[in-house]
PDB file of all heavy atoms in Angstrom:
ATOM      1  N   LYS A   1     101.333  94.254 112.327  1.00  0.00           N
ATOM      2  CA  LYS A   1     100.676  94.754 113.456  1.00  0.00           C
ATOM      3  C   LYS A   1      99.312  95.509 113.084  1.00  0.00           C
ATOM      4  O   LYS A   1      98.285  95.471 113.813  1.00  0.00           O
ATOM      5  CB  LYS A   1     101.570  95.591 114.396  1.00  0.00           C
ATOM      6  CG  LYS A   1     102.672  94.850 114.885  1.00  0.00           C
ATOM      7  CD  LYS A   1     103.658  95.684 115.707  1.00  0.00           C
ATOM      8  CE  LYS A   1     104.740  94.894 116.274  1.00  0.00           C
ATOM      9  NZ  LYS A   1     105.673  95.795 117.140  1.00  0.00           N
ATOM     10  N   TRP A   2      99.402  96.290 111.915  1.00  0.00           N
ATOM     11  CA  TRP A   2      98.156  96.945 111.480  1.00  0.00           C
ATOM     12  C   TRP A   2      97.020  96.007 111.192  1.00  0.00           C
ATOM     13  O   TRP A   2      95.885  96.312 111.501  1.00  0.00           O
ATOM     14  CB  TRP A   2      98.624  97.667 110.217  1.00  0.00           C
ATOM     15  CG  TRP A   2      99.511  98.844 110.340  1.00  0.00           C
ATOM     16  CD1 TRP A   2     100.174  99.206 111.540  1.00  0.00           C
ATOM     17  CD2 TRP A   2     100.014  99.715 109.306  1.00  0.00           C
ATOM     18  NE1 TRP A   2     100.879 100.322 111.172  1.00  0.00           N
ATOM     19  CE2 TRP A   2     100.934 100.466 109.824  1.00  0.00           C
ATOM     20  CE3 TRP A   2      99.964  99.530 107.859  1.00  0.00           C
ATOM     21  CZ2 TRP A   2     101.671 101.498 109.172  1.00  0.00           C
ATOM     22  CZ3 TRP A   2     100.759 100.545 107.181  1.00  0.00           C
ATOM     23  CH2 TRP A   2     101.514 101.490 107.806  1.00  0.00           C
ATOM     24  N   VAL A   3      97.376  94.898 110.713  1.00  0.00           N
ATOM     25  CA  VAL A   3      96.403  93.819 110.230  1.00  0.00           C
ATOM     26  C   VAL A   3      96.059  92.944 111.370  1.00  0.00           C
ATOM     27  O   VAL A   3      94.766  92.655 111.636  1.00  0.00           O
ATOM     28  CB  VAL A   3      96.837  93.073 108.979  1.00  0.00           C
ATOM     29  CG1 VAL A   3      95.863  91.895 108.728  1.00  0.00           C
ATOM     30  CG2 VAL A   3      97.031  93.881 107.832  1.00  0.00           C
ATOM     31  N   PHE A   4      97.053  92.378 112.077  1.00  0.00           N
ATOM     32  CA  PHE A   4      96.844  91.278 113.113  1.00  0.00           C
ATOM     33  C   PHE A   4      96.730  91.776 114.563  1.00  0.00           C
ATOM     34  O   PHE A   4      96.611  91.050 115.535  1.00  0.00           O
ATOM     35  CB  PHE A   4      97.745  90.240 113.007  1.00  0.00           C
ATOM     36  CG  PHE A   4      97.659  89.541 111.504  1.00  0.00           C
ATOM     37  CD1 PHE A   4      98.724  89.845 110.709  1.00  0.00           C
ATOM     38  CD2 PHE A   4      96.658  88.832 111.151  1.00  0.00           C
ATOM     39  CE1 PHE A   4      98.626  89.354 109.383  1.00  0.00           C
ATOM     40  CE2 PHE A   4      96.594  88.248 109.894  1.00  0.00           C
ATOM     41  CZ  PHE A   4      97.551  88.558 108.941  1.00  0.00           C
ATOM     42  N   GLY A   5      97.071  93.104 114.839  1.00  0.00           N
ATOM     43  CA  GLY A   5      97.199  93.671 116.172  1.00  0.00           C
ATOM     44  C   GLY A   5      98.554  93.839 116.672  1.00  0.00           C
ATOM     45  O   GLY A   5      99.540  93.366 116.082  1.00  0.00           O
ATOM     46  N   SER A   6      98.706  94.766 117.755  1.00  0.00           N
ATOM     47  CA  SER A   6     100.059  95.176 118.100  1.00  0.00           C
ATOM     48  C   SER A   6     100.828  93.921 118.822  1.00  0.00           C
ATOM     49  O   SER A   6     101.956  94.095 119.004  1.00  0.00           O
ATOM     50  CB  SER A   6      99.886  96.259 119.237  1.00  0.00           C
ATOM     51  OG  SER A   6      99.026  95.829 120.169  1.00  0.00           O
ATOM     52  N   ASN A   7     100.171  92.825 119.176  1.00  0.00           N
ATOM     53  CA  ASN A   7     100.872  91.666 119.612  1.00  0.00           C
ATOM     54  C   ASN A   7     101.101  90.657 118.717  1.00  0.00           C
ATOM     55  O   ASN A   7     101.290  89.455 119.030  1.00  0.00           O
ATOM     56  CB  ASN A   7      99.919  91.097 120.827  1.00  0.00           C
ATOM     57  CG  ASN A   7      99.794  92.042 122.029  1.00  0.00           C
ATOM     58  OD1 ASN A   7     100.784  92.684 122.369  1.00  0.00           O
ATOM     59  ND2 ASN A   7      98.653  91.975 122.586  1.00  0.00           N
ATOM     60  N   PHE A   8     101.255  91.044 117.430  1.00  0.00           N
ATOM     61  CA  PHE A   8     101.507  90.076 116.248  1.00  0.00           C
ATOM     62  C   PHE A   8     102.721  89.217 116.737  1.00  0.00           C
ATOM     63  O   PHE A   8     103.739  89.668 117.113  1.00  0.00           O
ATOM     64  CB  PHE A   8     101.773  90.935 115.074  1.00  0.00           C
ATOM     65  CG  PHE A   8     102.387  90.019 113.938  1.00  0.00           C
ATOM     66  CD1 PHE A   8     101.553  89.132 113.214  1.00  0.00           C
ATOM     67  CD2 PHE A   8     103.772  90.147 113.602  1.00  0.00           C
ATOM     68  CE1 PHE A   8     102.230  88.291 112.199  1.00  0.00           C
ATOM     69  CE2 PHE A   8     104.324  89.304 112.531  1.00  0.00           C
ATOM     70  CZ  PHE A   8     103.464  88.474 111.912  1.00  0.00           C
ATOM     71  N   ASP A   9     102.645  87.903 116.427  1.00  0.00           N
ATOM     72  CA  ASP A   9     103.590  86.902 116.752  1.00  0.00           C
ATOM     73  C   ASP A   9     104.005  86.366 115.343  1.00  0.00           C
ATOM     74  O   ASP A   9     103.310  85.556 114.714  1.00  0.00           O
ATOM     75  CB  ASP A   9     103.169  85.842 117.628  1.00  0.00           C
ATOM     76  CG  ASP A   9     104.145  84.820 117.973  1.00  0.00           C
ATOM     77  OD1 ASP A   9     105.240  84.881 117.426  1.00  0.00           O
ATOM     78  OD2 ASP A   9     103.782  83.910 118.721  1.00  0.00           O
ATOM     79  N   TYR A  10     105.305  86.650 114.890  1.00  0.00           N
ATOM     80  CA  TYR A  10     105.630  86.163 113.638  1.00  0.00           C
ATOM     81  C   TYR A  10     105.698  84.653 113.528  1.00  0.00           C
ATOM     82  O   TYR A  10     105.418  84.027 112.518  1.00  0.00           O
ATOM     83  CB  TYR A  10     107.171  86.655 113.304  1.00  0.00           C
ATOM     84  CG  TYR A  10     108.161  85.867 114.098  1.00  0.00           C
ATOM     85  CD1 TYR A  10     108.835  84.762 113.343  1.00  0.00           C
ATOM     86  CD2 TYR A  10     108.606  86.108 115.312  1.00  0.00           C
ATOM     87  CE1 TYR A  10     109.780  83.968 114.001  1.00  0.00           C
ATOM     88  CE2 TYR A  10     109.637  85.395 115.907  1.00  0.00           C
ATOM     89  CZ  TYR A  10     110.161  84.322 115.244  1.00  0.00           C
ATOM     90  OH  TYR A  10     111.119  83.619 115.915  1.00  0.00           O
ATOM     91  N   SER A  11     105.802  83.963 114.608  1.00  0.00           N
ATOM     92  CA  SER A  11     106.003  82.547 114.677  1.00  0.00           C
ATOM     93  C   SER A  11     104.675  81.867 114.284  1.00  0.00           C
ATOM     94  O   SER A  11     104.586  80.619 113.872  1.00  0.00           O
ATOM     95  CB  SER A  11     106.386  81.975 116.026  1.00  0.00           C
ATOM     96  OG  SER A  11     105.410  82.159 116.996  1.00  0.00           O
ATOM     97  N   THR A  12     103.489  82.457 114.307  1.00  0.00           N
ATOM     98  CA  THR A  12     102.278  81.935 113.902  1.00  0.00           C
ATOM     99  C   THR A  12     101.706  82.340 112.636  1.00  0.00           C
ATOM    100  O   THR A  12     100.686  81.893 112.208  1.00  0.00           O
ATOM    101  CB  THR A  12     101.160  82.315 115.035  1.00  0.00           C
ATOM    102  OG1 THR A  12     100.944  83.763 114.943  1.00  0.00           O
ATOM    103  CG2 THR A  12     101.576  81.982 116.458  1.00  0.00           C
ATOM    104  N   PHE A  13     102.491  83.088 111.895  1.00  0.00           N
ATOM    105  CA  PHE A  13     102.096  83.627 110.573  1.00  0.00           C
ATOM    106  C   PHE A  13     101.901  82.418 109.570  1.00  0.00           C
ATOM    107  O   PHE A  13     102.822  81.635 109.368  1.00  0.00           O
ATOM    108  CB  PHE A  13     103.073  84.628 110.059  1.00  0.00           C
ATOM    109  CG  PHE A  13     102.636  85.263 108.737  1.00  0.00           C
ATOM    110  CD1 PHE A  13     101.676  86.281 108.698  1.00  0.00           C
ATOM    111  CD2 PHE A  13     103.173  84.917 107.551  1.00  0.00           C
ATOM    112  CE1 PHE A  13     101.216  86.837 107.597  1.00  0.00           C
ATOM    113  CE2 PHE A  13     102.742  85.523 106.298  1.00  0.00           C
ATOM    114  CZ  PHE A  13     101.817  86.484 106.307  1.00  0.00           C
ATOM    115  N   ASP A  14     100.683  82.358 108.969  1.00  0.00           N
ATOM    116  CA  ASP A  14     100.381  81.463 107.871  1.00  0.00           C
ATOM    117  C   ASP A  14     100.576  82.090 106.552  1.00  0.00           C
ATOM    118  O   ASP A  14      99.963  83.005 106.147  1.00  0.00           O
ATOM    119  CB  ASP A  14      98.946  81.065 108.088  1.00  0.00           C
ATOM    120  CG  ASP A  14      98.614  79.848 107.156  1.00  0.00           C
ATOM    121  OD1 ASP A  14      98.680  80.137 105.876  1.00  0.00           O
ATOM    122  OD2 ASP A  14      98.222  78.770 107.635  1.00  0.00           O
ATOM    123  N   PHE A  15     101.504  81.466 105.722  1.00  0.00           N
ATOM    124  CA  PHE A  15     101.903  82.210 104.493  1.00  0.00           C
ATOM    125  C   PHE A  15     100.828  81.906 103.450  1.00  0.00           C
ATOM    126  O   PHE A  15     100.883  82.369 102.243  1.00  0.00           O
ATOM    127  CB  PHE A  15     103.293  81.591 104.103  1.00  0.00           C
ATOM    128  CG  PHE A  15     104.383  81.983 104.909  1.00  0.00           C
ATOM    129  CD1 PHE A  15     104.887  81.221 105.908  1.00  0.00           C
ATOM    130  CD2 PHE A  15     105.020  83.194 104.506  1.00  0.00           C
ATOM    131  CE1 PHE A  15     106.018  81.711 106.656  1.00  0.00           C
ATOM    132  CE2 PHE A  15     106.188  83.694 105.277  1.00  0.00           C
ATOM    133  CZ  PHE A  15     106.654  82.824 106.365  1.00  0.00           C
ATOM    134  N   ASP A  16      99.817  81.185 103.729  1.00  0.00           N
ATOM    135  CA  ASP A  16      98.767  81.121 102.920  1.00  0.00           C
ATOM    136  C   ASP A  16      97.504  81.962 103.311  1.00  0.00           C
ATOM    137  O   ASP A  16      97.295  83.169 102.675  1.00  0.00           O
ATOM    138  CB  ASP A  16      98.249  79.682 102.683  1.00  0.00           C
ATOM    139  CG  ASP A  16      97.137  79.490 101.767  1.00  0.00           C
ATOM    140  OD1 ASP A  16      96.687  80.341 101.080  1.00  0.00           O
ATOM    141  OD2 ASP A  16      96.244  78.425 102.115  1.00  0.00           O
ATOM    142  N   ARG A  17      96.814  81.656 104.434  1.00  0.00           N
ATOM    143  CA  ARG A  17      95.635  82.330 104.827  1.00  0.00           C
ATOM    144  C   ARG A  17      95.922  83.639 105.329  1.00  0.00           C
ATOM    145  O   ARG A  17      95.267  84.643 104.968  1.00  0.00           O
ATOM    146  CB  ARG A  17      95.093  81.513 105.954  1.00  0.00           C
ATOM    147  CG  ARG A  17      93.795  82.122 106.568  1.00  0.00           C
ATOM    148  CD  ARG A  17      93.272  81.353 107.769  1.00  0.00           C
ATOM    149  NE  ARG A  17      94.286  81.200 108.904  1.00  0.00           N
ATOM    150  CZ  ARG A  17      95.148  80.333 109.236  1.00  0.00           C
ATOM    151  NH1 ARG A  17      95.077  79.049 108.572  1.00  0.00           N
ATOM    152  NH2 ARG A  17      95.927  80.428 110.180  1.00  0.00           N
ATOM    153  N   ASP A  18      96.992  83.858 106.118  1.00  0.00           N
ATOM    154  CA  ASP A  18      97.402  85.263 106.715  1.00  0.00           C
ATOM    155  C   ASP A  18      97.795  86.200 105.624  1.00  0.00           C
ATOM    156  O   ASP A  18      97.572  87.329 105.682  1.00  0.00           O
ATOM    157  CB  ASP A  18      98.351  85.164 107.867  1.00  0.00           C
ATOM    158  CG  ASP A  18      97.768  84.431 109.116  1.00  0.00           C
ATOM    159  OD1 ASP A  18      96.579  84.377 109.184  1.00  0.00           O
ATOM    160  OD2 ASP A  18      98.548  83.929 109.950  1.00  0.00           O
ATOM    161  N   GLN A  19      98.533  85.518 104.554  1.00  0.00           N
ATOM    162  CA  GLN A  19      98.993  86.411 103.550  1.00  0.00           C
ATOM    163  C   GLN A  19      97.867  87.000 102.853  1.00  0.00           C
ATOM    164  O   GLN A  19      97.829  88.202 102.364  1.00  0.00           O
ATOM    165  CB  GLN A  19     100.035  85.683 102.661  1.00  0.00           C
ATOM    166  CG  GLN A  19     100.657  86.573 101.551  1.00  0.00           C
ATOM    167  CD  GLN A  19     101.609  87.611 102.134  1.00  0.00           C
ATOM    168  OE1 GLN A  19     102.500  87.289 102.847  1.00  0.00           O
ATOM    169  NE2 GLN A  19     101.421  88.843 101.638  1.00  0.00           N
ATOM    170  N   ASP A  20      96.889  86.166 102.568  1.00  0.00           N
ATOM    171  CA  ASP A  20      95.711  86.601 101.870  1.00  0.00           C
ATOM    172  C   ASP A  20      95.044  87.912 102.591  1.00  0.00           C
ATOM    173  O   ASP A  20      94.537  88.769 101.963  1.00  0.00           O
ATOM    174  CB  ASP A  20      94.720  85.445 101.559  1.00  0.00           C
ATOM    175  CG  ASP A  20      95.222  84.534 100.425  1.00  0.00           C
ATOM    176  OD1 ASP A  20      96.140  84.984  99.727  1.00  0.00           O
ATOM    177  OD2 ASP A  20      94.721  83.459 100.212  1.00  0.00           O
ATOM    178  N   LYS A  21      94.843  87.525 103.915  1.00  0.00           N
ATOM    179  CA  LYS A  21      94.143  88.579 104.698  1.00  0.00           C
ATOM    180  C   LYS A  21      94.994  89.849 104.573  1.00  0.00           C
ATOM    181  O   LYS A  21      94.281  90.933 104.385  1.00  0.00           O
ATOM    182  CB  LYS A  21      94.073  88.147 106.126  1.00  0.00           C
ATOM    183  CG  LYS A  21      93.373  89.145 107.045  1.00  0.00           C
ATOM    184  CD  LYS A  21      93.222  88.639 108.529  1.00  0.00           C
ATOM    185  CE  LYS A  21      92.456  89.649 109.345  1.00  0.00           C
ATOM    186  NZ  LYS A  21      92.307  89.220 110.706  1.00  0.00           N
ATOM    187  N   MET A  22      96.242  89.892 104.752  1.00  0.00           N
ATOM    188  CA  MET A  22      96.993  91.084 104.697  1.00  0.00           C
ATOM    189  C   MET A  22      96.961  91.833 103.343  1.00  0.00           C
ATOM    190  O   MET A  22      96.790  93.056 103.245  1.00  0.00           O
ATOM    191  CB  MET A  22      98.489  90.842 105.005  1.00  0.00           C
ATOM    192  CG  MET A  22      99.325  92.174 105.146  1.00  0.00           C
ATOM    193  SD  MET A  22     100.979  91.821 105.982  1.00  0.00           S
ATOM    194  CE  MET A  22     101.730  90.958 104.739  1.00  0.00           C
ATOM    195  N   ASP A  23      96.946  90.950 102.368  1.00  0.00           N
ATOM    196  CA  ASP A  23      96.938  91.547 100.949  1.00  0.00           C
ATOM    197  C   ASP A  23      95.547  92.182 100.602  1.00  0.00           C
ATOM    198  O   ASP A  23      95.466  93.150 100.035  1.00  0.00           O
ATOM    199  CB  ASP A  23      97.189  90.351  99.900  1.00  0.00           C
ATOM    200  CG  ASP A  23      98.691  90.102  99.749  1.00  0.00           C
ATOM    201  OD1 ASP A  23      99.470  90.919 100.161  1.00  0.00           O
ATOM    202  OD2 ASP A  23      98.993  89.124  99.144  1.00  0.00           O
ATOM    203  N   SER A  24      94.496  91.585 101.247  1.00  0.00           N
ATOM    204  CA  SER A  24      93.237  92.137 100.920  1.00  0.00           C
ATOM    205  C   SER A  24      92.977  93.501 101.657  1.00  0.00           C
ATOM    206  O   SER A  24      92.318  94.381 101.094  1.00  0.00           O
ATOM    207  CB  SER A  24      92.131  91.209 101.513  1.00  0.00           C
ATOM    208  OG  SER A  24      92.103  91.078 102.932  1.00  0.00           O
ATOM    209  N   LEU A  25      93.686  93.726 102.698  1.00  0.00           N
ATOM    210  CA  LEU A  25      93.650  94.990 103.483  1.00  0.00           C
ATOM    211  C   LEU A  25      94.595  96.007 103.052  1.00  0.00           C
ATOM    212  O   LEU A  25      94.329  97.241 102.913  1.00  0.00           O
ATOM    213  CB  LEU A  25      93.747  94.730 104.944  1.00  0.00           C
ATOM    214  CG  LEU A  25      92.594  94.112 105.649  1.00  0.00           C
ATOM    215  CD1 LEU A  25      92.915  93.758 107.121  1.00  0.00           C
ATOM    216  CD2 LEU A  25      91.331  94.818 105.627  1.00  0.00           C
ATOM    217  N   LEU A  26      95.892  95.524 102.664  1.00  0.00           N
ATOM    218  CA  LEU A  26      96.961  96.558 102.514  1.00  0.00           C
ATOM    219  C   LEU A  26      97.495  96.629 101.050  1.00  0.00           C
ATOM    220  O   LEU A  26      98.003  97.681 100.755  1.00  0.00           O
ATOM    221  CB  LEU A  26      98.071  96.251 103.468  1.00  0.00           C
ATOM    222  CG  LEU A  26      97.812  96.334 104.966  1.00  0.00           C
ATOM    223  CD1 LEU A  26      98.965  96.069 105.822  1.00  0.00           C
ATOM    224  CD2 LEU A  26      97.197  97.756 105.301  1.00  0.00           C
ATOM    225  N   ALA A  27      97.397  95.533 100.407  1.00  0.00           N
ATOM    226  CA  ALA A  27      98.042  95.573  99.062  1.00  0.00           C
ATOM    227  C   ALA A  27      97.419  96.725  98.116  1.00  0.00           C
ATOM    228  O   ALA A  27      98.260  97.447  97.452  1.00  0.00           O
ATOM    229  CB  ALA A  27      97.782  94.235  98.331  1.00  0.00           C
ATOM    230  N   PRO A  28      96.152  97.031  98.265  1.00  0.00           N
ATOM    231  CA  PRO A  28      95.658  98.292  97.378  1.00  0.00           C
ATOM    232  C   PRO A  28      96.130  99.502  97.788  1.00  0.00           C
ATOM    233  O   PRO A  28      96.143 100.436  96.900  1.00  0.00           O
ATOM    234  CB  PRO A  28      94.166  98.121  97.615  1.00  0.00           C
ATOM    235  CG  PRO A  28      93.769  96.796  98.044  1.00  0.00           C
ATOM    236  CD  PRO A  28      95.028  96.327  98.838  1.00  0.00           C
ATOM    237  N   ILE A  29      96.736  99.643  98.936  1.00  0.00           N
ATOM    238  CA  ILE A  29      97.029 101.050  99.364  1.00  0.00           C
ATOM    239  C   ILE A  29      98.662 101.107  99.509  1.00  0.00           C
ATOM    240  O   ILE A  29      99.149 102.183  99.444  1.00  0.00           O
ATOM    241  CB  ILE A  29      96.408 101.522 100.619  1.00  0.00           C
ATOM    242  CG1 ILE A  29      96.631 100.550 101.839  1.00  0.00           C
ATOM    243  CG2 ILE A  29      94.972 101.807 100.499  1.00  0.00           C
ATOM    244  CD1 ILE A  29      96.108 100.977 103.091  1.00  0.00           C
ATOM    245  N   LEU A  30      99.323  99.990  99.712  1.00  0.00           N
ATOM    246  CA  LEU A  30     100.786  99.945  99.946  1.00  0.00           C
ATOM    247  C   LEU A  30     101.568  99.586  98.767  1.00  0.00           C
ATOM    248  O   LEU A  30     102.716  99.966  98.616  1.00  0.00           O
ATOM    249  CB  LEU A  30     101.122  99.084 101.130  1.00  0.00           C
ATOM    250  CG  LEU A  30     100.544  99.389 102.545  1.00  0.00           C
ATOM    251  CD1 LEU A  30     101.251  98.536 103.547  1.00  0.00           C
ATOM    252  CD2 LEU A  30     100.753 100.885 102.952  1.00  0.00           C
ATOM    253  N   ASN A  31     100.988  98.732  97.981  1.00  0.00           N
ATOM    254  CA  ASN A  31     101.806  98.286  96.832  1.00  0.00           C
ATOM    255  C   ASN A  31     101.725  99.176  95.609  1.00  0.00           C
ATOM    256  O   ASN A  31     100.584  99.447  95.131  1.00  0.00           O
ATOM    257  CB  ASN A  31     101.323  96.843  96.472  1.00  0.00           C
ATOM    258  CG  ASN A  31     101.628  95.832  97.595  1.00  0.00           C
ATOM    259  OD1 ASN A  31     102.353  96.201  98.530  1.00  0.00           O
ATOM    260  ND2 ASN A  31     101.198  94.696  97.469  1.00  0.00           N
ATOM    261  N   ALA A  32     102.825  99.541  95.071  1.00  0.00           N
ATOM    262  CA  ALA A  32     103.058 100.226  93.777  1.00  0.00           C
ATOM    263  C   ALA A  32     103.444  99.305  92.718  1.00  0.00           C
ATOM    264  O   ALA A  32     104.472  99.423  92.123  1.00  0.00           O
ATOM    265  CB  ALA A  32     103.997 101.381  93.991  1.00  0.00           C
ATOM    266  N   ASN A  33     102.522  98.364  92.340  1.00  0.00           N
ATOM    267  CA  ASN A  33     102.869  97.381  91.308  1.00  0.00           C
ATOM    268  C   ASN A  33     102.203  97.624  89.935  1.00  0.00           C
ATOM    269  O   ASN A  33     102.511  96.775  89.120  1.00  0.00           O
ATOM    270  CB  ASN A  33     102.406  95.983  91.956  1.00  0.00           C
ATOM    271  CG  ASN A  33     103.342  95.429  92.931  1.00  0.00           C
ATOM    272  OD1 ASN A  33     104.574  95.727  92.844  1.00  0.00           O
ATOM    273  ND2 ASN A  33     102.829  94.727  93.872  1.00  0.00           N
ATOM    274  N   ASN A  34     101.582  98.693  89.791  1.00  0.00           N
ATOM    275  CA  ASN A  34     100.894  98.992  88.532  1.00  0.00           C
ATOM    276  C   ASN A  34     101.930  99.205  87.285  1.00  0.00           C
ATOM    277  O   ASN A  34     102.633 100.105  87.424  1.00  0.00           O
ATOM    278  CB  ASN A  34      99.961 100.082  88.647  1.00  0.00           C
ATOM    279  CG  ASN A  34      99.129 100.329  87.314  1.00  0.00           C
ATOM    280  OD1 ASN A  34      99.296  99.711  86.411  1.00  0.00           O
ATOM    281  ND2 ASN A  34      98.217 101.310  87.355  1.00  0.00           N
ATOM    282  N   PRO A  35     101.953  98.358  86.356  1.00  0.00           N
ATOM    283  CA  PRO A  35     102.998  98.613  85.229  1.00  0.00           C
ATOM    284  C   PRO A  35     102.571  99.494  84.182  1.00  0.00           C
ATOM    285  O   PRO A  35     103.289  99.831  83.278  1.00  0.00           O
ATOM    286  CB  PRO A  35     103.008  97.119  84.716  1.00  0.00           C
ATOM    287  CG  PRO A  35     101.787  96.561  84.879  1.00  0.00           C
ATOM    288  CD  PRO A  35     101.187  96.975  86.157  1.00  0.00           C
ATOM    289  N   ASP A  36     101.358 100.064  84.351  1.00  0.00           N
ATOM    290  CA  ASP A  36     100.745 101.038  83.279  1.00  0.00           C
ATOM    291  C   ASP A  36     101.272 102.426  83.648  1.00  0.00           C
ATOM    292  O   ASP A  36     100.704 103.164  84.507  1.00  0.00           O
ATOM    293  CB  ASP A  36      99.296 100.949  83.309  1.00  0.00           C
ATOM    294  CG  ASP A  36      98.745 101.929  82.260  1.00  0.00           C
ATOM    295  OD1 ASP A  36      99.529 102.442  81.442  1.00  0.00           O
ATOM    296  OD2 ASP A  36      97.482 102.180  82.253  1.00  0.00           O
ATOM    297  N   LEU A  37     102.351 102.847  82.906  1.00  0.00           N
ATOM    298  CA  LEU A  37     102.878 104.154  83.170  1.00  0.00           C
ATOM    299  C   LEU A  37     102.679 105.132  81.949  1.00  0.00           C
ATOM    300  O   LEU A  37     103.303 106.031  81.693  1.00  0.00           O
ATOM    301  CB  LEU A  37     104.379 104.070  83.355  1.00  0.00           C
ATOM    302  CG  LEU A  37     104.832 103.265  84.610  1.00  0.00           C
ATOM    303  CD1 LEU A  37     106.401 103.117  84.778  1.00  0.00           C
ATOM    304  CD2 LEU A  37     104.359 103.914  85.888  1.00  0.00           C
ATOM    305  N   GLU A  38     101.714 104.635  81.165  1.00  0.00           N
ATOM    306  CA  GLU A  38     101.453 105.491  79.975  1.00  0.00           C
ATOM    307  C   GLU A  38     101.007 106.982  80.257  1.00  0.00           C
ATOM    308  O   GLU A  38     101.513 107.800  79.493  1.00  0.00           O
ATOM    309  CB  GLU A  38     100.259 104.808  79.246  1.00  0.00           C
ATOM    310  CG  GLU A  38     100.106 105.403  77.829  1.00  0.00           C
ATOM    311  CD  GLU A  38     101.281 105.195  76.840  1.00  0.00           C
ATOM    312  OE1 GLU A  38     102.072 104.242  77.108  1.00  0.00           O
ATOM    313  OE2 GLU A  38     101.341 105.839  75.811  1.00  0.00           O
ATOM    314  N   PRO A  39     100.372 107.205  81.423  1.00  0.00           N
ATOM    315  CA  PRO A  39     100.046 108.638  81.687  1.00  0.00           C
ATOM    316  C   PRO A  39     101.278 109.421  81.993  1.00  0.00           C
ATOM    317  O   PRO A  39     101.347 110.522  81.491  1.00  0.00           O
ATOM    318  CB  PRO A  39      99.150 108.509  82.895  1.00  0.00           C
ATOM    319  CG  PRO A  39      98.434 107.182  82.818  1.00  0.00           C
ATOM    320  CD  PRO A  39      99.466 106.318  82.147  1.00  0.00           C
ATOM    321  N   LEU A  40     102.270 108.849  82.607  1.00  0.00           N
ATOM    322  CA  LEU A  40     103.477 109.460  82.842  1.00  0.00           C
ATOM    323  C   LEU A  40     104.233 109.759  81.665  1.00  0.00           C
ATOM    324  O   LEU A  40     104.759 110.877  81.272  1.00  0.00           O
ATOM    325  CB  LEU A  40     104.397 108.713  83.838  1.00  0.00           C
ATOM    326  CG  LEU A  40     105.816 109.329  84.035  1.00  0.00           C
ATOM    327  CD1 LEU A  40     105.694 110.417  85.048  1.00  0.00           C
ATOM    328  CD2 LEU A  40     106.699 108.230  84.636  1.00  0.00           C
ATOM    329  N   LYS A  41     104.206 108.748  80.679  1.00  0.00           N
ATOM    330  CA  LYS A  41     104.989 108.888  79.438  1.00  0.00           C
ATOM    331  C   LYS A  41     104.253 109.995  78.542  1.00  0.00           C
ATOM    332  O   LYS A  41     104.972 110.768  77.845  1.00  0.00           O
ATOM    333  CB  LYS A  41     104.923 107.418  78.634  1.00  0.00           C
ATOM    334  CG  LYS A  41     105.570 107.424  77.329  1.00  0.00           C
ATOM    335  CD  LYS A  41     105.647 106.103  76.666  1.00  0.00           C
ATOM    336  CE  LYS A  41     106.301 106.046  75.460  1.00  0.00           C
ATOM    337  NZ  LYS A  41     106.276 104.664  74.827  1.00  0.00           N
ATOM    338  N   LYS A  42     102.995 110.062  78.473  1.00  0.00           N
ATOM    339  CA  LYS A  42     102.273 110.940  77.648  1.00  0.00           C
ATOM    340  C   LYS A  42     102.430 112.399  78.050  1.00  0.00           C
ATOM    341  O   LYS A  42     102.382 113.282  77.210  1.00  0.00           O
ATOM    342  CB  LYS A  42     100.744 110.513  77.663  1.00  0.00           C
ATOM    343  CG  LYS A  42     100.360 109.414  76.763  1.00  0.00           C
ATOM    344  CD  LYS A  42      98.834 109.207  76.834  1.00  0.00           C
ATOM    345  CE  LYS A  42      98.549 108.013  75.794  1.00  0.00           C
ATOM    346  NZ  LYS A  42      97.129 107.803  75.823  1.00  0.00           N
TER     347      LYS A  42
END
């Protein structure tokens, strides 16, 4: 809903194009995928 609006319809979601759009907007702020934990270790 944040990306496609409050009337988001799951039935129309495109796992290629729409996934790319969501990732471009939200992955940098929502995903904690960085495997570099060296600062924590140090």
